[in-house]
Protein backbone atom coordinates (compact mmCIF):
# COMPACT_ATOMS: atom_id res chain seq x y z
CA MET A 1 7.40 14.12 13.41
CA ASN A 2 7.11 15.93 10.11
CA ASP A 3 4.02 16.66 8.01
CA LEU A 4 4.48 13.50 5.94
CA GLU A 5 4.04 11.40 9.06
CA SER A 6 0.86 13.07 10.32
CA ALA A 7 -2.17 10.88 11.02
CA GLU A 8 -4.19 12.93 8.52
CA LYS A 9 -1.63 12.46 5.72
CA ILE A 10 -1.32 8.74 6.40
CA SER A 11 -5.12 8.33 6.40
CA ILE A 12 -5.33 10.10 3.04
CA ASP A 13 -2.58 7.84 1.66
CA ILE A 14 -4.41 4.75 2.90
CA LYS A 15 -7.62 5.86 1.16
CA LYS A 16 -5.71 6.49 -2.08
CA LEU A 17 -4.08 3.10 -1.85
CA GLU A 18 -7.42 1.38 -1.22
CA ARG A 19 -8.77 3.05 -4.38
CA ASN A 20 -5.71 1.96 -6.36
CA LEU A 21 -5.94 -1.61 -5.09
CA LYS A 22 -9.61 -1.70 -6.07
CA GLN A 23 -8.65 -0.65 -9.61
CA VAL A 24 -6.34 -3.64 -10.07
CA GLU A 25 -8.22 -6.28 -8.07
CA ASP A 26 -9.59 -7.90 -11.24
CA ILE A 27 -6.12 -8.46 -12.70
CA ASN A 28 -5.09 -12.09 -12.43
CA PHE A 29 -1.61 -11.68 -10.97
CA GLU A 30 0.49 -14.83 -10.95
CA GLY A 31 3.79 -15.87 -9.44
CA LYS A 32 6.00 -13.06 -8.24
CA GLU A 33 3.48 -10.36 -9.15
CA LYS A 34 0.84 -12.08 -6.97
CA GLU A 35 3.30 -12.25 -4.08
CA VAL A 36 4.09 -8.55 -4.43
CA TYR A 37 0.38 -7.62 -4.73
CA ASP A 38 -0.38 -9.61 -1.58
CA ARG A 39 2.51 -7.87 0.15
CA ALA A 40 1.05 -4.48 -0.83
CA VAL A 41 -2.22 -5.45 0.85
CA ASP A 42 -0.35 -6.69 3.93
CA TYR A 43 1.64 -3.46 4.22
CA MET A 44 -1.55 -1.43 3.88
CA ASN A 45 -3.13 -3.43 6.71
CA ASP A 46 0.02 -2.99 8.78
CA SER A 47 -0.17 0.76 8.20
CA LYS A 48 -3.75 0.83 9.46
CA TYR A 49 -2.75 -1.17 12.52
CA TYR A 50 0.14 1.11 13.44
CA LEU A 51 -1.93 4.22 12.78
CA GLU A 52 -5.07 3.17 14.66
CA LYS A 53 -3.89 0.79 17.39
CA LYS A 54 -0.32 1.79 18.17
CA LYS A 55 -0.43 5.50 17.26
CA ASP A 56 3.01 4.94 15.72
CA MET A 57 2.99 7.42 12.84
CA ARG A 58 6.54 6.74 11.65
CA THR A 59 5.93 2.99 11.22
CA ALA A 60 2.48 3.59 9.72
CA PHE A 61 4.04 5.99 7.21
CA GLY A 62 6.79 3.51 6.32
CA CYS A 63 4.29 0.70 5.78
CA ILE A 64 2.06 2.75 3.49
CA GLU A 65 5.06 3.88 1.44
CA TYR A 66 6.22 0.27 1.04
CA SER A 67 2.69 -0.67 0.01
CA HIS A 68 2.63 2.03 -2.67
CA GLY A 69 5.98 0.76 -3.96
CA CYS A 70 4.73 -2.82 -4.17
CA LEU A 71 1.61 -1.71 -6.01
CA LEU A 72 3.71 0.30 -8.44
CA TYR A 73 5.75 -2.85 -9.16
CA THR A 74 2.62 -4.92 -9.84
CA SER A 75 1.17 -2.18 -12.07
CA ASP A 76 4.38 -2.05 -14.08
CA ALA A 77 4.37 -5.83 -14.39
CA ALA A 78 0.76 -5.79 -15.59
CA ASP A 79 1.61 -3.12 -18.18
CA ASP A 80 4.48 -5.26 -19.45
CA LYS A 81 2.07 -8.17 -20.03
CA ALA A 82 -0.44 -6.04 -21.94
C-alpha cells in the first residue's frame, strides 16, 4: 500500500468531498448530470464502507477517486449552464 491509499489520506479525501458536495447540493441537476451527481454520492458512500467496514484501502481509494471525478463532471456541466 502506498501513501495515497492510507486510511488517513482517504478520510481526508472523504471530508473534502463531503464539503464539495455540500457546496453544490442546491444546484438543480437534471438528466445525465443528476445521474452523475447521484453516482458521486454513491461512490463516496462506497468509499466509507470499504474504509470503515472492510478495511480495504485500495477499493476505498478507488471509490473516492471515482466520486471526485463524477463531481468534477457535474461541476463542469453546471458551469456550462451558467
